[in-house]
PDB file of N, CA and C in Angstrom:
ATOM      1  N   UNK A   1       2.432   1.916 -16.376  1.00  0.00           N
ATOM      2  CA  UNK A   1       4.096   2.204 -15.845  1.00  0.00           C
ATOM      3  C   UNK A   1       4.056   1.037 -14.654  1.00  0.00           C
ATOM      4  N   UNK A   2       5.010   0.867 -14.166  1.00  0.00           N
ATOM      5  CA  UNK A   2       5.557  -0.525 -12.952  1.00  0.00           C
ATOM      6  C   UNK A   2       5.962   0.614 -11.916  1.00  0.00           C
ATOM      7  N   UNK A   3       5.428   0.067 -10.692  1.00  0.00           N
ATOM      8  CA  UNK A   3       5.884   0.890  -9.458  1.00  0.00           C
ATOM      9  C   UNK A   3       6.413  -0.305  -8.742  1.00  0.00           C
ATOM     10  N   UNK A   4       7.032   0.288  -7.600  1.00  0.00           N
ATOM     11  CA  UNK A   4       7.429  -0.806  -6.588  1.00  0.00           C
ATOM     12  C   UNK A   4       6.694  -0.287  -5.576  1.00  0.00           C
ATOM     13  N   UNK A   5       5.783  -0.951  -4.991  1.00  0.00           N
ATOM     14  CA  UNK A   5       5.246  -0.685  -3.558  1.00  0.00           C
ATOM     15  C   UNK A   5       5.825  -1.201  -2.480  1.00  0.00           C
ATOM     16  N   UNK A   6       5.994  -0.722  -1.411  1.00  0.00           N
ATOM     17  CA  UNK A   6       6.736  -1.014  -0.099  1.00  0.00           C
ATOM     18  C   UNK A   6       5.663  -0.707   0.875  1.00  0.00           C
ATOM     19  N   UNK A   7       5.779  -1.692   1.733  1.00  0.00           N
ATOM     20  CA  UNK A   7       4.932  -1.384   3.255  1.00  0.00           C
ATOM     21  C   UNK A   7       5.212  -2.590   4.096  1.00  0.00           C
ATOM     22  N   UNK A   8       4.257  -2.494   4.885  1.00  0.00           N
ATOM     23  CA  UNK A   8       4.097  -3.293   6.112  1.00  0.00           C
ATOM     24  C   UNK A   8       2.845  -3.856   6.510  1.00  0.00           C
ATOM     25  N   UNK A   9       2.607  -4.977   6.771  1.00  0.00           N
ATOM     26  CA  UNK A   9       1.359  -5.785   7.361  1.00  0.00           C
ATOM     27  C   UNK A   9       1.049  -5.072   8.685  1.00  0.00           C
ATOM     28  N   UNK A  10       0.026  -4.230   8.571  1.00  0.00           N
ATOM     29  CA  UNK A  10      -0.537  -3.618   9.882  1.00  0.00           C
ATOM     30  C   UNK A  10      -1.071  -4.398  11.188  1.00  0.00           C
ATOM     31  N   UNK A  11      -1.048  -5.857  11.168  1.00  0.00           N
ATOM     32  CA  UNK A  11      -1.079  -6.794  12.252  1.00  0.00           C
ATOM     33  C   UNK A  11       0.527  -7.163  12.852  1.00  0.00           C
ATOM     34  N   UNK A  12       1.070  -7.693  11.686  1.00  0.00           N
ATOM     35  CA  UNK A  12       2.626  -8.409  12.494  1.00  0.00           C
ATOM     36  C   UNK A  12       3.433  -7.611  11.978  1.00  0.00           C
ATOM     37  N   UNK A  13       3.568  -6.310  11.358  1.00  0.00           N
ATOM     38  CA  UNK A  13       4.428  -5.669  11.026  1.00  0.00           C
ATOM     39  C   UNK A  13       5.669  -5.954  10.087  1.00  0.00           C
ATOM     40  N   UNK A  14       5.248  -7.053   9.684  1.00  0.00           N
ATOM     41  CA  UNK A  14       5.970  -8.008   8.385  1.00  0.00           C
ATOM     42  C   UNK A  14       6.045  -7.033   7.511  1.00  0.00           C
ATOM     43  N   UNK A  15       7.196  -6.962   6.696  1.00  0.00           N
ATOM     44  CA  UNK A  15       7.569  -6.216   5.166  1.00  0.00           C
ATOM     45  C   UNK A  15       6.898  -6.937   4.229  1.00  0.00           C
ATOM     46  N   UNK A  16       6.503  -5.839   3.381  1.00  0.00           N
ATOM     47  CA  UNK A  16       5.558  -6.307   1.919  1.00  0.00           C
ATOM     48  C   UNK A  16       6.263  -5.572   0.879  1.00  0.00           C
ATOM     49  N   UNK A  17       6.375  -6.176  -0.021  1.00  0.00           N
ATOM     50  CA  UNK A  17       6.533  -5.211  -1.302  1.00  0.00           C
ATOM     51  C   UNK A  17       6.213  -6.153  -2.874  1.00  0.00           C
ATOM     52  N   UNK A  18       6.094  -5.215  -3.844  1.00  0.00           N
ATOM     53  CA  UNK A  18       5.599  -6.057  -5.060  1.00  0.00           C
ATOM     54  C   UNK A  18       5.605  -4.961  -6.221  1.00  0.00           C
ATOM     55  N   UNK A  19       5.568  -5.650  -7.239  1.00  0.00           N
ATOM     56  CA  UNK A  19       5.569  -4.411  -8.528  1.00  0.00           C
ATOM     57  C   UNK A  19       4.213  -4.498  -8.764  1.00  0.00           C
ATOM     58  N   UNK A  20       3.672  -3.163  -9.174  1.00  0.00           N
ATOM     59  CA  UNK A  20       2.329  -3.051  -9.567  1.00  0.00           C
ATOM     60  C   UNK A  20       2.546  -2.273 -10.688  1.00  0.00           C
ATOM     61  N   UNK A  21       1.594  -2.507 -11.791  1.00  0.00           N
ATOM     62  CA  UNK A  21       1.274  -1.624 -12.743  1.00  0.00           C
ATOM     63  C   UNK A  21       0.282  -1.141 -12.676  1.00  0.00           C
ATOM     64  N   UNK A  22       0.190  -0.016 -12.845  1.00  0.00           N
ATOM     65  CA  UNK A  22      -0.889   1.148 -12.886  1.00  0.00           C
ATOM     66  C   UNK A  22      -0.728   2.499 -13.548  1.00  0.00           C
ATOM     67  N   UNK A  23      -1.757   3.316 -13.682  1.00  0.00           N
ATOM     68  CA  UNK A  23      -1.173   4.535 -14.563  1.00  0.00           C
ATOM     69  C   UNK A  23      -0.761   5.711 -13.783  1.00  0.00           C
ATOM     70  N   UNK A  24      -1.105   5.669 -12.122  1.00  0.00           N
ATOM     71  CA  UNK A  24      -0.552   6.643 -11.516  1.00  0.00           C
ATOM     72  C   UNK A  24      -0.081   6.061 -10.106  1.00  0.00           C
ATOM     73  N   UNK A  25       0.805   6.751  -9.232  1.00  0.00           N
ATOM     74  CA  UNK A  25       1.132   6.334  -8.122  1.00  0.00           C
ATOM     75  C   UNK A  25      -0.066   6.107  -7.097  1.00  0.00           C
ATOM     76  N   UNK A  26      -1.454   6.544  -7.308  1.00  0.00           N
ATOM     77  CA  UNK A  26      -2.364   6.398  -6.097  1.00  0.00           C
ATOM     78  C   UNK A  26      -3.098   5.182  -6.786  1.00  0.00           C
ATOM     79  N   UNK A  27      -2.995   4.905  -7.851  1.00  0.00           N
ATOM     80  CA  UNK A  27      -3.821   3.671  -8.490  1.00  0.00           C
ATOM     81  C   UNK A  27      -2.879   2.486  -8.135  1.00  0.00           C
ATOM     82  N   UNK A  28      -1.568   2.810  -7.984  1.00  0.00           N
ATOM     83  CA  UNK A  28      -0.402   1.570  -7.767  1.00  0.00           C
ATOM     84  C   UNK A  28      -0.586   1.216  -6.241  1.00  0.00           C
ATOM     85  N   UNK A  29      -0.856   2.288  -5.253  1.00  0.00           N
ATOM     86  CA  UNK A  29      -1.257   2.158  -4.036  1.00  0.00           C
ATOM     87  C   UNK A  29      -2.600   1.421  -3.898  1.00  0.00           C
ATOM     88  N   UNK A  30      -3.623   1.846  -4.564  1.00  0.00           N
ATOM     89  CA  UNK A  30      -4.641   1.174  -4.433  1.00  0.00           C
ATOM     90  C   UNK A  30      -4.710  -0.369  -4.583  1.00  0.00           C
ATOM     91  N   UNK A  31      -3.988  -0.514  -5.688  1.00  0.00           N
ATOM     92  CA  UNK A  31      -3.984  -1.987  -6.397  1.00  0.00           C
ATOM     93  C   UNK A  31      -3.217  -2.735  -5.524  1.00  0.00           C
ATOM     94  N   UNK A  32      -2.240  -2.026  -5.040  1.00  0.00           N
ATOM     95  CA  UNK A  32      -1.259  -2.839  -4.051  1.00  0.00           C
ATOM     96  C   UNK A  32      -1.855  -3.279  -2.520  1.00  0.00           C
ATOM     97  N   UNK A  33      -2.824  -2.312  -2.289  1.00  0.00           N
ATOM     98  CA  UNK A  33      -3.502  -2.802  -0.929  1.00  0.00           C
ATOM     99  C   UNK A  33      -4.596  -3.921  -1.248  1.00  0.00           C
ATOM    100  N   UNK A  34      -5.346  -3.545  -2.323  1.00  0.00           N
ATOM    101  CA  UNK A  34      -6.255  -4.921  -2.829  1.00  0.00           C
ATOM    102  C   UNK A  34      -5.484  -6.357  -3.042  1.00  0.00           C
ATOM    103  N   UNK A  35      -4.147  -6.053  -3.683  1.00  0.00           N
ATOM    104  CA  UNK A  35      -3.378  -7.487  -3.949  1.00  0.00           C
ATOM    105  C   UNK A  35      -2.961  -7.958  -2.318  1.00  0.00           C
ATOM    106  N   UNK A  36      -2.751  -7.143  -1.476  1.00  0.00           N
ATOM    107  CA  UNK A  36      -2.345  -7.731  -0.210  1.00  0.00           C
ATOM    108  C   UNK A  36      -3.520  -8.160   0.573  1.00  0.00           C
ATOM    109  N   UNK A  37      -4.645  -7.679   0.513  1.00  0.00           N
ATOM    110  CA  UNK A  37      -5.762  -8.108   1.043  1.00  0.00           C
ATOM    111  C   UNK A  37      -6.112  -9.287   0.611  1.00  0.00           C
ATOM    112  N   UNK A  38      -6.060  -9.905  -0.572  1.00  0.00           N
ATOM    113  CA  UNK A  38      -6.355 -11.169  -1.104  1.00  0.00           C
ATOM    114  C   UNK A  38      -5.380 -11.936  -0.455  1.00  0.00           C
ATOM    115  N   UNK A  39      -4.023 -11.708  -0.139  1.00  0.00           N
ATOM    116  CA  UNK A  39      -3.101 -12.638   0.779  1.00  0.00           C
ATOM    117  C   UNK A  39      -3.513 -12.712   2.273  1.00  0.00           C
ATOM    118  N   UNK A  40      -4.385 -11.868   2.872  1.00  0.00           N
ATOM    119  CA  UNK A  40      -4.764 -11.764   3.945  1.00  0.00           C
ATOM    120  C   UNK A  40      -3.925 -10.933   4.882  1.00  0.00           C
ATOM    121  N   UNK A  41      -3.329  -9.690   4.187  1.00  0.00           N
ATOM    122  CA  UNK A  41      -2.301  -8.678   4.774  1.00  0.00           C
ATOM    123  C   UNK A  41      -3.235  -7.553   4.539  1.00  0.00           C
ATOM    124  N   UNK A  42      -2.974  -6.875   5.794  1.00  0.00           N
ATOM    125  CA  UNK A  42      -3.650  -5.330   6.016  1.00  0.00           C
ATOM    126  C   UNK A  42      -2.406  -4.396   5.666  1.00  0.00           C
ATOM    127  N   UNK A  43      -2.355  -3.902   4.285  1.00  0.00           N
ATOM    128  CA  UNK A  43      -1.085  -3.204   3.850  1.00  0.00           C
ATOM    129  C   UNK A  43      -1.158  -1.763   4.655  1.00  0.00           C
ATOM    130  N   UNK A  44      -0.113  -1.299   5.287  1.00  0.00           N
ATOM    131  CA  UNK A  44       0.173  -0.167   5.393  1.00  0.00           C
ATOM    132  C   UNK A  44       1.148   0.422   4.239  1.00  0.00           C
ATOM    133  N   UNK A  45       0.691   1.292   2.958  1.00  0.00           N
ATOM    134  CA  UNK A  45       1.743   1.427   2.189  1.00  0.00           C
ATOM    135  C   UNK A  45       2.886   2.591   2.924  1.00  0.00           C
ATOM    136  N   UNK A  46       4.132   2.450   2.813  1.00  0.00           N
ATOM    137  CA  UNK A  46       5.116   2.859   2.874  1.00  0.00           C
ATOM    138  C   UNK A  46       5.593   4.049   2.012  1.00  0.00           C
ATOM    139  N   UNK A  47       5.761   3.471   0.758  1.00  0.00           N
ATOM    140  CA  UNK A  47       6.188   4.151  -0.146  1.00  0.00           C
ATOM    141  C   UNK A  47       6.076   3.547  -1.651  1.00  0.00           C
ATOM    142  N   UNK A  48       5.654   4.384  -2.697  1.00  0.00           N
ATOM    143  CA  UNK A  48       5.864   3.807  -3.893  1.00  0.00           C
ATOM    144  C   UNK A  48       6.695   4.597  -4.859  1.00  0.00           C
ATOM    145  N   UNK A  49       7.419   3.447  -5.319  1.00  0.00           N
ATOM    146  CA  UNK A  49       8.630   4.198  -6.041  1.00  0.00           C
ATOM    147  C   UNK A  49       8.294   3.818  -7.658  1.00  0.00           C
ATOM    148  N   UNK A  50       8.715   4.943  -8.236  1.00  0.00           N
ATOM    149  CA  UNK A  50       8.436   4.907  -9.710  1.00  0.00           C
ATOM    150  C   UNK A  50       9.773   4.690 -10.602  1.00  0.00           C
ATOM    151  N   UNK A  51       9.848   4.970 -11.675  1.00  0.00           N
ATOM    152  CA  UNK A  51      10.878   4.585 -12.586  1.00  0.00           C
ATOM    153  C   UNK A  51      12.268   5.508 -11.932  1.00  0.00           C
ATOM    154  N   UNK A  52      13.241   5.022 -12.339  1.00  0.00           N
ATOM    155  CA  UNK A  52      14.511   5.564 -11.710  1.00  0.00           C
ATOM    156  C   UNK A  52      14.691   5.871 -10.693  1.00  0.00           C
ATOM    157  N   UNK A  53      13.826   5.132  -9.349  1.00  0.00           N
ATOM    158  CA  UNK A  53      13.936   5.161  -8.187  1.00  0.00           C
ATOM    159  C   UNK A  53      13.274   6.374  -7.428  1.00  0.00           C
ATOM    160  N   UNK A  54      12.560   6.959  -8.256  1.00  0.00           N
ATOM    161  CA  UNK A  54      11.846   7.975  -7.487  1.00  0.00           C
ATOM    162  C   UNK A  54      10.682   7.829  -6.787  1.00  0.00           C
ATOM    163  N   UNK A  55      10.695   8.166  -5.714  1.00  0.00           N
ATOM    164  CA  UNK A  55       9.585   8.133  -4.728  1.00  0.00           C
ATOM    165  C   UNK A  55       8.730   8.974  -4.768  1.00  0.00           C
ATOM    166  N   UNK A  56       7.258   8.318  -4.981  1.00  0.00           N
ATOM    167  CA  UNK A  56       6.209   9.113  -5.696  1.00  0.00           C
ATOM    168  C   UNK A  56       5.078   9.598  -4.412  1.00  0.00           C
ATOM    169  N   UNK A  57       4.397  10.497  -4.678  1.00  0.00           N
ATOM    170  CA  UNK A  57       3.509  10.746  -3.501  1.00  0.00           C
ATOM    171  C   UNK A  57       2.277  10.196  -4.008  1.00  0.00           C
ATOM    172  N   UNK A  58       1.526   9.478  -3.191  1.00  0.00           N
ATOM    173  CA  UNK A  58       0.300   8.746  -3.458  1.00  0.00           C
ATOM    174  C   UNK A  58      -0.745   8.978  -3.083  1.00  0.00           C
ATOM    175  N   UNK A  59      -0.883   9.454  -1.550  1.00  0.00           N
ATOM    176  CA  UNK A  59      -1.858   9.596  -0.665  1.00  0.00           C
ATOM    177  C   UNK A  59      -2.852  10.400  -0.940  1.00  0.00           C
ATOM    178  N   UNK A  60      -2.680  11.241  -1.953  1.00  0.00           N
ATOM    179  CA  UNK A  60      -3.539  12.535  -2.331  1.00  0.00           C
ATOM    180  C   UNK A  60      -5.113  12.666  -1.804  1.00  0.00           C
ATOM    181  N   UNK A  61      -5.561  11.220  -2.620  1.00  0.00           N
ATOM    182  CA  UNK A  61      -7.091  11.080  -2.583  1.00  0.00           C
ATOM    183  C   UNK A  61      -7.262   9.592  -1.951  1.00  0.00           C
ATOM    184  N   UNK A  62      -6.495   9.088  -1.626  1.00  0.00           N
ATOM    185  CA  UNK A  62      -6.629   7.730  -0.537  1.00  0.00           C
ATOM    186  C   UNK A  62      -6.851   7.824   0.733  1.00  0.00           C
ATOM    187  N   UNK A  63      -8.080   7.511   1.327  1.00  0.00           N
ATOM    188  CA  UNK A  63      -8.561   7.949   2.542  1.00  0.00           C
ATOM    189  C   UNK A  63      -7.738   7.162   3.649  1.00  0.00           C
ATOM    190  N   UNK A  64      -7.232   7.588   4.895  1.00  0.00           N
ATOM    191  CA  UNK A  64      -6.384   7.120   5.866  1.00  0.00           C
ATOM    192  C   UNK A  64      -6.942   5.872   6.124  1.00  0.00           C
ATOM    193  N   UNK A  65      -8.096   5.365   6.179  1.00  0.00           N
ATOM    194  CA  UNK A  65      -8.606   3.935   6.503  1.00  0.00           C
ATOM    195  C   UNK A  65      -8.291   2.984   5.085  1.00  0.00           C
ATOM    196  N   UNK A  66      -8.331   3.816   4.096  1.00  0.00           N
ATOM    197  CA  UNK A  66      -7.768   2.640   3.022  1.00  0.00           C
ATOM    198  C   UNK A  66      -6.090   2.555   3.120  1.00  0.00           C
ATOM    199  N   UNK A  67      -5.452   3.399   3.439  1.00  0.00           N
ATOM    200  CA  UNK A  67      -4.052   3.383   3.622  1.00  0.00           C
ATOM    201  C   UNK A  67      -3.990   2.224   4.986  1.00  0.00           C
ATOM    202  N   UNK A  68      -4.587   2.066   5.846  1.00  0.00           N
ATOM    203  CA  UNK A  68      -4.159   1.285   6.826  1.00  0.00           C
ATOM    204  C   UNK A  68      -5.009  -0.064   7.143  1.00  0.00           C
ATOM    205  N   UNK A  69      -5.744  -0.364   6.090  1.00  0.00           N
ATOM    206  CA  UNK A  69      -6.847  -1.395   5.967  1.00  0.00           C
ATOM    207  C   UNK A  69      -8.166  -1.079   7.048  1.00  0.00           C
ATOM    208  N   UNK A  70      -8.962  -2.261   7.570  1.00  0.00           N
ATOM    209  CA  UNK A  70      -9.753  -1.827   8.307  1.00  0.00           C
ATOM    210  C   UNK A  70      -9.247  -1.632   9.714  1.00  0.00           C
ATOM    211  N   UNK A  71     -10.311  -0.852  10.292  1.00  0.00           N
ATOM    212  CA  UNK A  71     -10.272  -0.447  11.785  1.00  0.00           C
ATOM    213  C   UNK A  71     -10.354  -1.381  12.775  1.00  0.00           C
ATOM    214  N   UNK A  72      -9.307  -1.470  13.638  1.00  0.00           N
ATOM    215  CA  UNK A  72      -9.229  -2.522  14.590  1.00  0.00           C
ATOM    216  C   UNK A  72      -9.931  -2.157  15.861  1.00  0.00           C
ATOM    217  N   UNK A  73     -10.474  -3.176  16.554  1.00  0.00           N
ATOM    218  CA  UNK A  73     -10.987  -3.567  17.670  1.00  0.00           C
ATOM    219  C   UNK A  73     -10.213  -2.881  18.831  1.00  0.00           C
ATOM    220  N   UNK A  74     -10.540  -2.025  19.357  1.00  0.00           N
ATOM    221  CA  UNK A  74      -9.622  -1.943  20.627  1.00  0.00           C
ATOM    222  C   UNK A  74      -9.780  -2.556  21.730  1.00  0.00           C
ATOM    223  N   UNK A  75      -9.226  -3.045  22.736  1.00  0.00           N
ATOM    224  CA  UNK A  75      -9.349  -3.538  23.769  1.00  0.00           C
ATOM    225  C   UNK A  75      -9.963  -2.648  25.086  1.00  0.00           C
ATOM    226  N   UNK A  76     -10.544  -3.364  25.743  1.00  0.00           N
ATOM    227  CA  UNK A  76     -11.680  -2.424  26.528  1.00  0.00           C
ATOM    228  C   UNK A  76     -10.671  -2.561  27.973  1.00  0.00           C
TER     229      UNK A  76
END
């Protein structure tokens, strides 16, 4: 199935979206995070949109750190 995954770059807050082929919404979110990482983007997924514009739940088994990318260092 083809999903539209939309989100933001964790560092710049730039918009990001792409169509991802996956068997379920969680897989689409994971594939999108990996694809964005190859582009140098720390993707924070905002929505996974399925057929007919339905917004799909996708974070049931995606750990929070995977949703937000790698941890950021805090300034002291």
